[in-house]
């Protein structure tokens, strides 16, 4: 697959709409042409311990961050006409749909592909198919796992090999 946008969200709490950061990597003609990262004020705006433990973000990080519609206004032109790719698309697509609903935005029904599913089909014998494991198997060094942009970069590298 030569043209797509890899996307990754981190959430603040158990609500799918509570996206607190997003990373996007745009691939055109098999080359990374753009990337985007932003913190986001989550909705609802509170953090739970387990989410903080995963990604390290807190209310102090996102207290003055823009709300999702402002961030999406910057992302939308970058990804126009491209399918979205995520590692475990179920999570990221659910987040995107939930935050669109939360803000009363019309969801454009983005096509989503999944590198997790692709890795399970193509990479047999791995101990698991977590993003960092699959990234390593594809030769990508994911040193900042659970940073939305780093995860989107890893997803893009996997997608270029497996999709």
N, C-alpha and C. Protein backbone atom coordinates (compact mmCIF):
# COMPACT_ATOMS: atom_id res chain seq x y z
N UNK A 1 0.84 -1.18 0.00
CA UNK A 1 0.00 0.00 0.00
C UNK A 1 0.89 1.24 0.00
N UNK A 2 0.63 2.14 -0.92
CA UNK A 2 1.51 3.28 -1.11
C UNK A 2 0.97 4.60 -0.58
N UNK A 3 -0.34 4.70 -0.39
CA UNK A 3 -0.96 5.96 0.02
C UNK A 3 -1.92 5.72 1.18
N UNK A 4 -1.60 6.30 2.33
CA UNK A 4 -2.44 6.14 3.52
C UNK A 4 -1.98 7.12 4.59
N UNK A 5 -2.75 7.19 5.66
CA UNK A 5 -2.37 7.96 6.83
C UNK A 5 -2.46 7.06 8.05
N UNK A 6 -1.33 6.84 8.71
CA UNK A 6 -1.32 6.07 9.95
C UNK A 6 -1.72 7.02 11.08
N UNK A 7 -2.56 6.52 11.99
CA UNK A 7 -3.07 7.37 13.07
C UNK A 7 -3.04 6.61 14.39
N UNK A 8 -2.75 7.35 15.45
CA UNK A 8 -2.74 6.76 16.78
C UNK A 8 -3.27 7.77 17.78
N UNK A 9 -4.13 7.30 18.68
CA UNK A 9 -4.65 8.12 19.77
C UNK A 9 -4.20 7.56 21.11
N UNK A 10 -4.03 8.45 22.07
CA UNK A 10 -3.91 8.08 23.47
C UNK A 10 -5.12 8.68 24.17
N UNK A 11 -5.62 7.99 25.19
CA UNK A 11 -6.81 8.46 25.90
C UNK A 11 -6.50 8.73 27.37
N UNK A 12 -7.30 9.61 27.95
CA UNK A 12 -7.11 10.04 29.34
C UNK A 12 -7.82 9.14 30.34
N UNK A 13 -8.88 8.50 29.89
CA UNK A 13 -9.68 7.69 30.81
C UNK A 13 -10.38 6.58 30.03
N UNK A 14 -11.35 5.95 30.64
CA UNK A 14 -12.02 4.80 30.03
C UNK A 14 -12.98 5.18 28.90
N UNK A 15 -13.26 6.44 28.70
CA UNK A 15 -14.15 6.88 27.63
C UNK A 15 -13.38 7.02 26.32
N UNK A 16 -13.91 6.43 25.26
CA UNK A 16 -13.24 6.48 23.97
C UNK A 16 -13.08 7.92 23.47
N UNK A 17 -13.97 8.80 23.90
CA UNK A 17 -13.90 10.20 23.46
C UNK A 17 -12.82 11.00 24.16
N UNK A 18 -12.15 10.41 25.14
CA UNK A 18 -11.18 11.16 25.95
C UNK A 18 -9.79 11.21 25.33
N UNK A 19 -9.73 11.37 24.01
CA UNK A 19 -8.43 11.45 23.36
C UNK A 19 -7.64 12.63 23.91
N UNK A 20 -6.41 12.37 24.31
CA UNK A 20 -5.57 13.43 24.89
C UNK A 20 -4.34 13.71 24.04
N UNK A 21 -4.09 12.86 23.04
CA UNK A 21 -3.03 13.14 22.06
C UNK A 21 -3.32 12.34 20.81
N UNK A 22 -2.80 12.86 19.70
CA UNK A 22 -2.96 12.19 18.41
C UNK A 22 -1.67 12.33 17.63
N UNK A 23 -1.32 11.27 16.93
CA UNK A 23 -0.20 11.29 15.99
C UNK A 23 -0.68 10.80 14.64
N UNK A 24 -0.24 11.46 13.59
CA UNK A 24 -0.61 11.09 12.22
C UNK A 24 0.65 11.10 11.37
N UNK A 25 0.81 10.08 10.55
CA UNK A 25 1.90 10.00 9.59
C UNK A 25 1.29 9.76 8.22
N UNK A 26 1.57 10.65 7.28
CA UNK A 26 1.02 10.57 5.93
C UNK A 26 2.06 9.93 5.01
N UNK A 27 1.62 8.92 4.28
CA UNK A 27 2.47 8.22 3.31
C UNK A 27 1.84 8.38 1.93
N UNK A 28 2.63 8.91 1.00
CA UNK A 28 2.19 9.05 -0.39
C UNK A 28 3.26 8.45 -1.30
N UNK A 29 2.82 7.62 -2.20
CA UNK A 29 3.75 6.93 -3.12
C UNK A 29 4.84 6.19 -2.36
N UNK A 30 4.47 5.61 -1.22
CA UNK A 30 5.40 4.80 -0.44
C UNK A 30 6.42 5.58 0.35
N UNK A 31 6.25 6.90 0.45
CA UNK A 31 7.21 7.75 1.17
C UNK A 31 6.46 8.57 2.21
N UNK A 32 7.03 8.67 3.41
CA UNK A 32 6.44 9.53 4.43
C UNK A 32 6.60 10.97 3.97
N UNK A 33 5.47 11.64 3.80
CA UNK A 33 5.50 13.02 3.30
C UNK A 33 5.13 14.05 4.35
N UNK A 34 4.50 13.61 5.43
CA UNK A 34 4.07 14.57 6.45
C UNK A 34 3.81 13.83 7.75
N UNK A 35 3.88 14.56 8.83
CA UNK A 35 3.49 14.01 10.12
C UNK A 35 2.90 15.14 10.96
N UNK A 36 2.11 14.74 11.95
CA UNK A 36 1.42 15.71 12.79
C UNK A 36 1.27 15.11 14.18
N UNK A 37 1.48 15.95 15.18
CA UNK A 37 1.26 15.54 16.58
C UNK A 37 0.64 16.69 17.33
N UNK A 38 -0.30 16.35 18.20
CA UNK A 38 -0.88 17.38 19.06
C UNK A 38 -1.39 16.76 20.35
N UNK A 39 -1.24 17.51 21.41
CA UNK A 39 -1.96 17.21 22.64
C UNK A 39 -3.38 17.73 22.44
N UNK A 40 -4.33 17.15 23.17
CA UNK A 40 -5.74 17.51 23.06
C UNK A 40 -6.34 17.54 24.46
N UNK A 41 -7.20 18.53 24.72
CA UNK A 41 -7.95 18.51 25.97
C UNK A 41 -8.95 17.36 25.88
N UNK A 42 -8.86 16.39 26.76
CA UNK A 42 -9.77 15.24 26.65
C UNK A 42 -11.20 15.61 27.06
N UNK A 43 -12.13 14.82 26.55
CA UNK A 43 -13.54 14.98 26.91
C UNK A 43 -14.13 13.61 27.17
N UNK A 44 -14.49 13.29 28.42
CA UNK A 44 -14.44 14.13 29.61
C UNK A 44 -13.01 14.39 30.06
N UNK A 45 -12.84 15.53 30.69
CA UNK A 45 -11.50 16.04 31.00
C UNK A 45 -11.02 15.61 32.38
N UNK A 46 -10.69 14.34 32.49
CA UNK A 46 -10.01 13.83 33.69
C UNK A 46 -9.16 12.63 33.28
N UNK A 47 -8.17 12.36 34.10
CA UNK A 47 -7.23 11.25 33.83
C UNK A 47 -7.39 10.18 34.89
N UNK A 48 -7.26 8.93 34.46
CA UNK A 48 -7.21 7.84 35.42
C UNK A 48 -5.77 7.32 35.49
N UNK A 49 -5.47 6.73 36.60
CA UNK A 49 -4.12 6.26 36.88
C UNK A 49 -3.58 5.36 35.77
N UNK A 50 -4.39 4.40 35.33
CA UNK A 50 -3.89 3.40 34.38
C UNK A 50 -3.52 4.03 33.05
N UNK A 51 -4.30 4.98 32.60
CA UNK A 51 -3.96 5.66 31.33
C UNK A 51 -2.70 6.50 31.49
N UNK A 52 -2.62 7.21 32.61
CA UNK A 52 -1.41 8.01 32.87
C UNK A 52 -0.18 7.12 32.91
N UNK A 53 -0.33 5.97 33.50
CA UNK A 53 0.80 5.04 33.62
C UNK A 53 1.27 4.55 32.24
N UNK A 54 0.34 4.40 31.31
CA UNK A 54 0.69 3.92 29.96
C UNK A 54 1.44 4.99 29.18
N UNK A 55 0.88 6.20 29.09
CA UNK A 55 1.46 7.21 28.21
C UNK A 55 2.15 8.37 28.92
N UNK A 56 1.95 8.50 30.23
CA UNK A 56 2.65 9.53 30.98
C UNK A 56 2.04 10.91 30.91
N UNK A 57 0.94 11.08 30.21
CA UNK A 57 0.31 12.40 30.11
C UNK A 57 -0.60 12.64 31.30
N UNK A 58 -0.70 13.91 31.69
CA UNK A 58 -1.55 14.31 32.81
C UNK A 58 -2.31 15.58 32.42
N UNK A 59 -3.19 16.00 33.32
CA UNK A 59 -3.94 17.23 33.10
C UNK A 59 -3.00 18.42 32.93
N UNK A 60 -1.86 18.40 33.61
CA UNK A 60 -0.88 19.49 33.46
C UNK A 60 -0.38 19.60 32.02
N UNK A 61 -0.31 18.48 31.32
CA UNK A 61 0.14 18.49 29.92
C UNK A 61 -0.92 19.03 28.97
N UNK A 62 -2.17 18.73 29.23
CA UNK A 62 -3.23 19.06 28.28
C UNK A 62 -4.16 20.18 28.74
N UNK A 63 -3.89 20.77 29.89
CA UNK A 63 -4.76 21.81 30.43
C UNK A 63 -4.96 23.00 29.51
N UNK A 64 -3.94 23.35 28.76
CA UNK A 64 -4.08 24.48 27.83
C UNK A 64 -4.04 24.02 26.37
N UNK A 65 -4.19 22.73 26.14
CA UNK A 65 -4.18 22.17 24.78
C UNK A 65 -5.50 22.50 24.08
N UNK A 66 -5.50 22.49 22.76
CA UNK A 66 -6.75 22.74 22.02
C UNK A 66 -7.73 21.59 22.18
N UNK A 67 -9.01 21.87 21.92
CA UNK A 67 -10.02 20.82 21.93
C UNK A 67 -9.98 20.08 20.59
N UNK A 68 -10.60 18.92 20.54
CA UNK A 68 -10.51 18.05 19.38
C UNK A 68 -10.90 18.73 18.06
N UNK A 69 -12.03 19.44 17.98
CA UNK A 69 -12.39 20.03 16.67
C UNK A 69 -11.30 20.96 16.12
N UNK A 70 -10.60 21.67 16.99
CA UNK A 70 -9.51 22.54 16.53
C UNK A 70 -8.35 21.72 15.98
N UNK A 71 -8.04 20.63 16.63
CA UNK A 71 -6.96 19.75 16.18
C UNK A 71 -7.34 19.06 14.88
N UNK A 72 -8.58 18.57 14.81
CA UNK A 72 -9.01 17.85 13.60
C UNK A 72 -9.02 18.77 12.38
N UNK A 73 -9.29 20.04 12.58
CA UNK A 73 -9.27 21.00 11.47
C UNK A 73 -7.88 21.08 10.84
N UNK A 74 -6.84 20.77 11.61
CA UNK A 74 -5.48 20.74 11.08
C UNK A 74 -5.17 19.40 10.42
N UNK A 75 -5.75 18.33 10.94
CA UNK A 75 -5.48 16.98 10.42
C UNK A 75 -6.24 16.71 9.13
N UNK A 76 -7.47 17.13 9.08
CA UNK A 76 -8.35 16.78 7.96
C UNK A 76 -7.75 17.06 6.58
N UNK A 77 -7.16 18.25 6.35
CA UNK A 77 -6.57 18.47 5.01
C UNK A 77 -5.38 17.55 4.72
N UNK A 78 -4.66 17.12 5.73
CA UNK A 78 -3.51 16.24 5.54
C UNK A 78 -3.91 14.85 5.05
N UNK A 79 -5.07 14.38 5.54
CA UNK A 79 -5.47 12.99 5.27
C UNK A 79 -6.55 12.87 4.21
N UNK A 80 -6.94 13.97 3.63
CA UNK A 80 -8.05 13.97 2.67
C UNK A 80 -7.81 12.94 1.56
N UNK A 81 -8.80 12.08 1.38
CA UNK A 81 -8.75 11.08 0.32
C UNK A 81 -7.92 9.84 0.64
N UNK A 82 -7.36 9.77 1.84
CA UNK A 82 -6.51 8.64 2.20
C UNK A 82 -7.23 7.68 3.14
N UNK A 83 -6.99 6.37 3.00
CA UNK A 83 -7.47 5.45 4.03
C UNK A 83 -6.63 5.65 5.29
N UNK A 84 -7.23 5.38 6.44
CA UNK A 84 -6.52 5.45 7.71
C UNK A 84 -6.05 4.06 8.09
N UNK A 85 -4.90 4.00 8.73
CA UNK A 85 -4.32 2.74 9.18
C UNK A 85 -3.98 2.89 10.66
N UNK A 86 -4.31 1.88 11.43
CA UNK A 86 -3.98 1.89 12.85
C UNK A 86 -3.57 0.48 13.27
N UNK A 87 -2.79 0.40 14.32
CA UNK A 87 -2.46 -0.90 14.90
C UNK A 87 -3.50 -1.14 15.99
N UNK A 88 -4.39 -2.08 15.73
CA UNK A 88 -5.61 -2.31 16.51
C UNK A 88 -6.62 -1.22 16.15
N UNK A 89 -7.05 -1.26 14.90
CA UNK A 89 -7.98 -0.25 14.39
C UNK A 89 -9.23 -0.16 15.22
N UNK A 90 -9.62 -1.24 15.87
CA UNK A 90 -10.84 -1.21 16.69
C UNK A 90 -10.76 -0.11 17.73
N UNK A 91 -9.62 0.03 18.38
CA UNK A 91 -9.44 1.06 19.40
C UNK A 91 -9.45 2.46 18.78
N UNK A 92 -8.59 2.69 17.79
CA UNK A 92 -8.43 4.03 17.24
C UNK A 92 -9.67 4.49 16.46
N UNK A 93 -10.29 3.58 15.72
CA UNK A 93 -11.51 3.95 15.01
C UNK A 93 -12.63 4.26 16.00
N UNK A 94 -12.71 3.49 17.07
CA UNK A 94 -13.71 3.74 18.10
C UNK A 94 -13.49 5.11 18.74
N UNK A 95 -12.24 5.45 19.02
CA UNK A 95 -11.92 6.77 19.57
C UNK A 95 -12.34 7.88 18.62
N UNK A 96 -12.01 7.72 17.35
CA UNK A 96 -12.33 8.76 16.38
C UNK A 96 -13.84 8.94 16.25
N UNK A 97 -14.56 7.85 16.15
CA UNK A 97 -16.02 7.95 16.05
C UNK A 97 -16.61 8.57 17.32
N UNK A 98 -16.10 8.17 18.48
CA UNK A 98 -16.64 8.67 19.75
C UNK A 98 -16.41 10.17 19.92
N UNK A 99 -15.23 10.63 19.57
CA UNK A 99 -14.94 12.05 19.74
C UNK A 99 -15.69 12.89 18.71
N UNK A 100 -15.92 12.36 17.52
CA UNK A 100 -16.78 13.05 16.56
C UNK A 100 -18.19 13.19 17.12
N UNK A 101 -18.73 12.10 17.70
CA UNK A 101 -20.07 12.14 18.31
C UNK A 101 -20.11 13.14 19.46
N UNK A 102 -19.09 13.10 20.30
CA UNK A 102 -19.01 13.95 21.48
C UNK A 102 -19.14 15.43 21.11
N UNK A 103 -18.54 15.82 20.02
CA UNK A 103 -18.55 17.22 19.60
C UNK A 103 -19.61 17.52 18.54
N UNK A 104 -20.48 16.55 18.24
CA UNK A 104 -21.55 16.77 17.27
C UNK A 104 -21.05 16.97 15.86
N UNK A 105 -19.90 16.39 15.55
CA UNK A 105 -19.32 16.51 14.22
C UNK A 105 -19.81 15.35 13.34
N UNK A 106 -19.97 15.60 12.07
CA UNK A 106 -20.39 14.57 11.13
C UNK A 106 -19.19 13.71 10.77
N UNK A 107 -19.30 12.42 11.05
CA UNK A 107 -18.20 11.50 10.78
C UNK A 107 -18.20 11.12 9.29
N UNK A 108 -17.08 11.33 8.59
CA UNK A 108 -17.05 11.06 7.15
C UNK A 108 -16.85 9.59 6.78
N UNK A 109 -16.94 8.67 7.73
CA UNK A 109 -16.81 7.24 7.48
C UNK A 109 -15.50 6.89 6.79
N UNK A 110 -14.42 7.28 7.44
CA UNK A 110 -13.08 6.99 6.93
C UNK A 110 -12.88 5.48 6.79
N UNK A 111 -12.29 5.04 5.67
CA UNK A 111 -11.91 3.62 5.59
C UNK A 111 -10.71 3.39 6.52
N UNK A 112 -10.77 2.31 7.31
CA UNK A 112 -9.72 1.99 8.27
C UNK A 112 -9.15 0.62 7.97
N UNK A 113 -7.83 0.51 7.98
CA UNK A 113 -7.14 -0.76 7.84
C UNK A 113 -6.37 -1.02 9.12
N UNK A 114 -6.03 -2.28 9.36
CA UNK A 114 -5.45 -2.65 10.65
C UNK A 114 -4.13 -3.41 10.49
N UNK A 115 -3.06 -2.85 11.02
CA UNK A 115 -1.78 -3.54 10.97
C UNK A 115 -1.71 -4.68 11.99
N UNK A 116 -2.52 -4.61 13.04
CA UNK A 116 -2.56 -5.73 14.00
C UNK A 116 -3.08 -6.98 13.29
N UNK A 117 -4.20 -6.86 12.59
CA UNK A 117 -4.75 -8.00 11.86
C UNK A 117 -3.78 -8.48 10.78
N UNK A 118 -3.17 -7.54 10.08
CA UNK A 118 -2.22 -7.91 9.02
C UNK A 118 -1.02 -8.64 9.61
N UNK A 119 -0.55 -8.20 10.78
CA UNK A 119 0.62 -8.84 11.38
C UNK A 119 0.30 -10.26 11.84
N UNK A 120 -0.91 -10.48 12.32
CA UNK A 120 -1.30 -11.83 12.74
C UNK A 120 -1.32 -12.79 11.56
N UNK A 121 -1.70 -12.27 10.40
CA UNK A 121 -1.75 -13.11 9.20
C UNK A 121 -0.36 -13.33 8.60
N UNK A 122 0.51 -12.31 8.67
CA UNK A 122 1.78 -12.37 7.95
C UNK A 122 2.97 -12.78 8.80
N UNK A 123 2.93 -12.50 10.09
CA UNK A 123 4.10 -12.73 10.94
C UNK A 123 3.81 -13.82 11.97
N UNK A 124 4.01 -15.02 11.58
CA UNK A 124 3.79 -16.16 12.48
C UNK A 124 5.01 -16.33 13.40
N UNK A 125 4.78 -16.85 14.57
CA UNK A 125 5.88 -17.17 15.47
C UNK A 125 6.32 -16.04 16.38
N UNK A 126 5.67 -14.89 16.31
CA UNK A 126 6.00 -13.81 17.25
C UNK A 126 5.41 -14.15 18.61
N UNK A 127 6.03 -13.70 19.70
CA UNK A 127 5.48 -13.99 21.03
C UNK A 127 4.12 -13.32 21.25
N UNK A 128 3.89 -12.19 20.57
CA UNK A 128 2.61 -11.49 20.59
C UNK A 128 2.59 -10.56 19.38
N UNK A 129 1.52 -9.86 19.20
CA UNK A 129 1.41 -8.96 18.05
C UNK A 129 1.18 -7.53 18.50
N UNK A 130 1.75 -7.20 19.67
CA UNK A 130 1.70 -5.82 20.15
C UNK A 130 2.51 -4.93 19.22
N UNK A 131 2.21 -3.65 19.24
CA UNK A 131 2.85 -2.72 18.31
C UNK A 131 4.37 -2.77 18.40
N UNK A 132 4.93 -2.74 19.59
CA UNK A 132 6.38 -2.73 19.71
C UNK A 132 7.01 -4.03 19.21
N UNK A 133 6.34 -5.15 19.43
CA UNK A 133 6.84 -6.44 18.96
C UNK A 133 6.83 -6.50 17.43
N UNK A 134 5.72 -6.09 16.84
CA UNK A 134 5.58 -6.13 15.37
C UNK A 134 6.53 -5.12 14.73
N UNK A 135 6.64 -3.94 15.34
CA UNK A 135 7.56 -2.93 14.81
C UNK A 135 8.98 -3.48 14.77
N UNK A 136 9.41 -4.11 15.85
CA UNK A 136 10.75 -4.68 15.89
C UNK A 136 10.92 -5.76 14.82
N UNK A 137 9.91 -6.59 14.63
CA UNK A 137 9.97 -7.63 13.60
C UNK A 137 10.06 -7.03 12.20
N UNK A 138 9.55 -5.82 12.04
CA UNK A 138 9.61 -5.12 10.74
C UNK A 138 10.81 -4.19 10.64
N UNK A 139 11.69 -4.23 11.65
CA UNK A 139 12.91 -3.45 11.59
C UNK A 139 12.78 -2.01 12.05
N UNK A 140 11.69 -1.68 12.74
CA UNK A 140 11.48 -0.32 13.21
C UNK A 140 11.77 -0.26 14.71
N UNK A 141 12.59 0.69 15.12
CA UNK A 141 12.97 0.85 16.53
C UNK A 141 11.98 1.80 17.21
N UNK A 142 11.04 1.24 17.94
CA UNK A 142 10.01 2.02 18.63
C UNK A 142 10.48 2.31 20.05
N UNK A 143 11.23 3.38 20.21
CA UNK A 143 11.79 3.69 21.53
C UNK A 143 10.85 4.53 22.39
N UNK A 144 9.86 5.17 21.79
CA UNK A 144 8.93 6.02 22.57
C UNK A 144 7.52 5.46 22.50
N UNK A 145 7.39 4.17 22.75
CA UNK A 145 6.09 3.49 22.69
C UNK A 145 5.07 4.22 23.57
N UNK A 146 3.86 4.38 23.07
CA UNK A 146 2.74 5.07 23.70
C UNK A 146 2.86 6.59 23.62
N UNK A 147 3.77 7.09 22.81
CA UNK A 147 3.72 8.48 22.37
C UNK A 147 2.99 8.39 21.03
N UNK A 148 1.91 9.16 20.86
CA UNK A 148 1.03 8.98 19.70
C UNK A 148 1.78 9.11 18.37
N UNK A 149 2.70 10.04 18.25
CA UNK A 149 3.41 10.18 16.98
C UNK A 149 4.36 9.01 16.76
N UNK A 150 5.08 8.60 17.78
CA UNK A 150 5.99 7.46 17.64
C UNK A 150 5.22 6.20 17.25
N UNK A 151 4.06 6.00 17.87
CA UNK A 151 3.24 4.83 17.53
C UNK A 151 2.70 4.93 16.10
N UNK A 152 2.32 6.12 15.66
CA UNK A 152 1.86 6.29 14.28
C UNK A 152 3.01 6.04 13.30
N UNK A 153 4.22 6.46 13.65
CA UNK A 153 5.39 6.19 12.80
C UNK A 153 5.64 4.69 12.68
N UNK A 154 5.53 3.99 13.82
CA UNK A 154 5.71 2.54 13.81
C UNK A 154 4.63 1.87 12.96
N UNK A 155 3.42 2.32 13.13
CA UNK A 155 2.30 1.77 12.35
C UNK A 155 2.53 1.99 10.85
N UNK A 156 2.98 3.17 10.49
CA UNK A 156 3.26 3.46 9.07
C UNK A 156 4.34 2.53 8.54
N UNK A 157 5.40 2.32 9.30
CA UNK A 157 6.48 1.43 8.87
C UNK A 157 5.98 -0.01 8.68
N UNK A 158 5.13 -0.45 9.60
CA UNK A 158 4.55 -1.79 9.49
C UNK A 158 3.66 -1.88 8.26
N UNK A 159 2.81 -0.87 8.08
CA UNK A 159 1.86 -0.87 6.95
C UNK A 159 2.60 -0.90 5.62
N UNK A 160 3.70 -0.18 5.52
CA UNK A 160 4.45 -0.17 4.26
C UNK A 160 5.00 -1.55 3.93
N UNK A 161 5.24 -2.37 4.96
CA UNK A 161 5.73 -3.72 4.71
C UNK A 161 4.63 -4.76 4.55
N UNK A 162 3.55 -4.62 5.32
CA UNK A 162 2.57 -5.71 5.39
C UNK A 162 1.28 -5.48 4.63
N UNK A 163 0.96 -4.23 4.31
CA UNK A 163 -0.34 -3.99 3.64
C UNK A 163 -0.13 -3.75 2.15
